[in-house]
Amino acid sequence: MFQDYVETQDFVLDLSGLRCPVPVLKFKKHVKELQGDWCISVKTTDPDSVRDFEEFARLKSYQISYKKMDDCFLFTISSGEGQ
């Protein structure tokens, strides 16, 4: 099911097992190197990551959505409005 969810993304960051704020910091490091519009899937297991990613996306004007699946959270975060 995770693979079906991420088929349309540019790439996937699996940050499972990391406690906040580490997932957001690792995500920030990866997107710093990207140019143009992008869409990334992020997998986390820390429930606090929902709040942290939503706040980070709001501050950066990124588009974000997420799903709770089993014991993880699957985020789709994009830089462009068309993603």
N, C-alpha and C. Protein backbone atom coordinates (compact mmCIF):
# COMPACT_ATOMS: atom_id res chain seq x y z
N MET A 1 0.82 -1.19 0.00
CA MET A 1 0.00 0.00 0.00
C MET A 1 0.87 1.26 0.00
N PHE A 2 1.97 1.24 0.70
CA PHE A 2 2.88 2.40 0.72
C PHE A 2 3.39 2.68 -0.69
N GLN A 3 3.77 1.63 -1.44
CA GLN A 3 4.26 1.82 -2.80
C GLN A 3 3.21 2.47 -3.68
N ASP A 4 1.95 2.08 -3.56
CA ASP A 4 0.87 2.68 -4.35
C ASP A 4 0.75 4.16 -4.05
N TYR A 5 0.93 4.51 -2.81
CA TYR A 5 0.78 5.90 -2.38
C TYR A 5 1.86 6.80 -2.96
N VAL A 6 3.06 6.28 -3.15
CA VAL A 6 4.19 7.13 -3.54
C VAL A 6 4.55 7.07 -5.02
N GLU A 7 3.78 6.41 -5.83
CA GLU A 7 4.12 6.26 -7.25
C GLU A 7 4.32 7.57 -7.99
N THR A 8 3.60 8.62 -7.63
CA THR A 8 3.68 9.87 -8.39
C THR A 8 4.67 10.87 -7.80
N GLN A 9 5.41 10.50 -6.80
CA GLN A 9 6.33 11.42 -6.14
C GLN A 9 7.69 11.39 -6.81
N ASP A 10 8.44 12.48 -6.68
CA ASP A 10 9.80 12.54 -7.22
C ASP A 10 10.72 11.57 -6.49
N PHE A 11 10.60 11.52 -5.18
CA PHE A 11 11.33 10.52 -4.40
C PHE A 11 10.72 10.39 -3.01
N VAL A 12 11.17 9.37 -2.29
CA VAL A 12 10.61 9.05 -0.98
C VAL A 12 11.70 9.14 0.07
N LEU A 13 11.37 9.79 1.18
CA LEU A 13 12.26 9.81 2.34
C LEU A 13 11.62 8.94 3.42
N ASP A 14 12.28 7.87 3.78
CA ASP A 14 11.78 7.02 4.86
C ASP A 14 12.48 7.44 6.14
N LEU A 15 11.75 8.17 6.98
CA LEU A 15 12.31 8.68 8.23
C LEU A 15 11.69 7.97 9.42
N SER A 16 11.28 6.74 9.20
CA SER A 16 10.68 5.92 10.26
C SER A 16 11.67 5.72 11.40
N GLY A 17 11.14 5.71 12.60
CA GLY A 17 11.95 5.45 13.78
C GLY A 17 12.65 6.68 14.35
N LEU A 18 12.61 7.79 13.63
CA LEU A 18 13.26 9.01 14.13
C LEU A 18 12.25 9.85 14.90
N ARG A 19 12.71 10.43 15.98
CA ARG A 19 11.84 11.28 16.82
C ARG A 19 12.02 12.74 16.42
N CYS A 20 10.93 13.47 16.52
CA CYS A 20 10.96 14.90 16.18
C CYS A 20 11.88 15.64 17.13
N PRO A 21 12.57 16.62 16.57
CA PRO A 21 12.41 17.27 15.27
C PRO A 21 13.29 16.68 14.16
N VAL A 22 13.94 15.55 14.39
CA VAL A 22 14.89 15.00 13.41
C VAL A 22 14.26 14.78 12.03
N PRO A 23 13.04 14.23 11.90
CA PRO A 23 12.49 14.05 10.54
C PRO A 23 12.39 15.37 9.76
N VAL A 24 11.94 16.42 10.39
CA VAL A 24 11.82 17.70 9.69
C VAL A 24 13.20 18.24 9.33
N LEU A 25 14.17 18.10 10.20
CA LEU A 25 15.52 18.57 9.91
C LEU A 25 16.13 17.82 8.73
N LYS A 26 15.93 16.50 8.67
CA LYS A 26 16.45 15.72 7.54
C LYS A 26 15.73 16.10 6.24
N PHE A 27 14.42 16.30 6.31
CA PHE A 27 13.66 16.74 5.14
C PHE A 27 14.18 18.09 4.65
N LYS A 28 14.38 19.00 5.57
CA LYS A 28 14.87 20.35 5.22
C LYS A 28 16.22 20.26 4.51
N LYS A 29 17.09 19.38 4.98
CA LYS A 29 18.40 19.20 4.35
C LYS A 29 18.27 18.72 2.91
N HIS A 30 17.34 17.79 2.67
CA HIS A 30 17.16 17.25 1.32
C HIS A 30 16.57 18.28 0.37
N VAL A 31 15.58 19.03 0.80
CA VAL A 31 14.93 19.97 -0.13
C VAL A 31 15.80 21.19 -0.42
N LYS A 32 16.75 21.45 0.43
CA LYS A 32 17.66 22.58 0.22
C LYS A 32 18.44 22.41 -1.08
N GLU A 33 18.68 21.17 -1.48
CA GLU A 33 19.47 20.86 -2.67
C GLU A 33 18.63 20.81 -3.95
N LEU A 34 17.31 20.86 -3.84
CA LEU A 34 16.43 20.72 -4.99
C LEU A 34 16.18 22.06 -5.68
N GLN A 35 15.97 22.00 -6.98
CA GLN A 35 15.63 23.18 -7.74
C GLN A 35 14.33 22.94 -8.48
N GLY A 36 13.61 24.00 -8.77
CA GLY A 36 12.35 23.86 -9.48
C GLY A 36 11.27 23.28 -8.57
N ASP A 37 10.16 22.90 -9.19
CA ASP A 37 9.08 22.29 -8.43
C ASP A 37 9.39 20.83 -8.15
N TRP A 38 8.99 20.35 -7.01
CA TRP A 38 9.23 18.98 -6.62
C TRP A 38 8.06 18.48 -5.77
N CYS A 39 7.95 17.18 -5.66
CA CYS A 39 6.94 16.54 -4.82
C CYS A 39 7.62 15.33 -4.16
N ILE A 40 7.59 15.30 -2.84
CA ILE A 40 8.30 14.29 -2.07
C ILE A 40 7.33 13.58 -1.13
N SER A 41 7.47 12.27 -1.03
CA SER A 41 6.75 11.50 -0.02
C SER A 41 7.69 11.30 1.17
N VAL A 42 7.12 11.42 2.35
CA VAL A 42 7.89 11.24 3.58
C VAL A 42 7.13 10.25 4.46
N LYS A 43 7.83 9.25 4.94
CA LYS A 43 7.25 8.27 5.86
C LYS A 43 7.86 8.47 7.23
N THR A 44 7.00 8.65 8.25
CA THR A 44 7.46 8.81 9.63
C THR A 44 6.64 7.90 10.55
N THR A 45 7.15 7.72 11.76
CA THR A 45 6.41 6.95 12.76
C THR A 45 6.10 7.76 14.01
N ASP A 46 6.71 8.90 14.17
CA ASP A 46 6.49 9.74 15.35
C ASP A 46 5.23 10.58 15.16
N PRO A 47 4.23 10.42 16.03
CA PRO A 47 2.99 11.20 15.90
C PRO A 47 3.22 12.72 15.93
N ASP A 48 4.27 13.16 16.60
CA ASP A 48 4.57 14.60 16.65
C ASP A 48 5.00 15.14 15.29
N SER A 49 5.36 14.25 14.37
CA SER A 49 5.80 14.71 13.06
C SER A 49 4.67 15.39 12.29
N VAL A 50 3.43 15.04 12.57
CA VAL A 50 2.30 15.68 11.89
C VAL A 50 2.32 17.17 12.16
N ARG A 51 2.37 17.53 13.41
CA ARG A 51 2.39 18.95 13.79
C ARG A 51 3.64 19.65 13.23
N ASP A 52 4.78 18.99 13.36
CA ASP A 52 6.04 19.60 12.91
C ASP A 52 6.07 19.82 11.40
N PHE A 53 5.65 18.83 10.63
CA PHE A 53 5.66 18.99 9.17
C PHE A 53 4.62 20.00 8.71
N GLU A 54 3.45 20.01 9.33
CA GLU A 54 2.43 20.99 8.95
C GLU A 54 2.92 22.42 9.22
N GLU A 55 3.57 22.62 10.33
CA GLU A 55 4.08 23.96 10.66
C GLU A 55 5.22 24.35 9.72
N PHE A 56 6.12 23.44 9.44
CA PHE A 56 7.22 23.72 8.53
C PHE A 56 6.68 24.06 7.14
N ALA A 57 5.73 23.28 6.65
CA ALA A 57 5.14 23.53 5.33
C ALA A 57 4.45 24.88 5.29
N ARG A 58 3.75 25.23 6.36
CA ARG A 58 3.08 26.53 6.41
C ARG A 58 4.10 27.67 6.32
N LEU A 59 5.18 27.55 7.07
CA LEU A 59 6.20 28.60 7.07
C LEU A 59 6.88 28.76 5.71
N LYS A 60 7.02 27.66 4.97
CA LYS A 60 7.69 27.68 3.67
C LYS A 60 6.72 27.81 2.50
N SER A 61 5.43 27.86 2.78
CA SER A 61 4.37 27.92 1.75
C SER A 61 4.40 26.69 0.84
N TYR A 62 4.70 25.52 1.41
CA TYR A 62 4.65 24.26 0.69
C TYR A 62 3.24 23.69 0.78
N GLN A 63 2.87 22.88 -0.18
CA GLN A 63 1.61 22.14 -0.14
C GLN A 63 1.87 20.85 0.63
N ILE A 64 0.94 20.47 1.52
CA ILE A 64 1.15 19.25 2.31
C ILE A 64 -0.17 18.52 2.52
N SER A 65 -0.08 17.21 2.50
CA SER A 65 -1.19 16.36 2.90
C SER A 65 -0.57 15.13 3.54
N TYR A 66 -1.37 14.43 4.34
CA TYR A 66 -0.84 13.21 4.95
C TYR A 66 -1.96 12.23 5.23
N LYS A 67 -1.55 10.97 5.39
CA LYS A 67 -2.45 9.88 5.77
C LYS A 67 -1.81 9.11 6.91
N LYS A 68 -2.65 8.62 7.80
CA LYS A 68 -2.20 7.69 8.82
C LYS A 68 -2.44 6.30 8.26
N MET A 69 -1.39 5.50 8.18
CA MET A 69 -1.51 4.14 7.66
C MET A 69 -0.82 3.19 8.63
N ASP A 70 -1.60 2.31 9.22
CA ASP A 70 -1.08 1.36 10.20
C ASP A 70 -0.31 2.12 11.29
N ASP A 71 0.99 1.88 11.39
CA ASP A 71 1.78 2.52 12.46
C ASP A 71 2.65 3.65 11.93
N CYS A 72 2.30 4.21 10.76
CA CYS A 72 3.12 5.28 10.22
C CYS A 72 2.26 6.41 9.64
N PHE A 73 2.92 7.50 9.34
CA PHE A 73 2.30 8.66 8.71
C PHE A 73 2.97 8.86 7.36
N LEU A 74 2.18 9.02 6.32
CA LEU A 74 2.71 9.22 4.96
C LEU A 74 2.33 10.60 4.49
N PHE A 75 3.34 11.43 4.31
CA PHE A 75 3.15 12.81 3.89
C PHE A 75 3.46 12.95 2.40
N THR A 76 2.74 13.84 1.74
CA THR A 76 3.10 14.30 0.41
C THR A 76 3.32 15.79 0.54
N ILE A 77 4.52 16.23 0.23
CA ILE A 77 4.89 17.64 0.37
C ILE A 77 5.42 18.11 -0.97
N SER A 78 4.93 19.25 -1.44
CA SER A 78 5.38 19.76 -2.73
C SER A 78 5.66 21.25 -2.66
N SER A 79 6.54 21.67 -3.54
CA SER A 79 6.92 23.08 -3.59
C SER A 79 6.01 23.88 -4.50
N GLY A 80 5.42 23.24 -5.49
CA GLY A 80 4.61 23.96 -6.47
C GLY A 80 3.13 23.73 -6.22
N GLU A 81 2.32 24.71 -6.62
CA GLU A 81 0.88 24.61 -6.42
C GLU A 81 0.25 23.54 -7.30
N GLY A 82 0.88 23.24 -8.41
CA GLY A 82 0.31 22.28 -9.36
C GLY A 82 0.56 20.83 -9.00
N GLN A 83 1.29 20.54 -7.96
CA GLN A 83 1.63 19.17 -7.60
C GLN A 83 0.48 18.47 -6.94
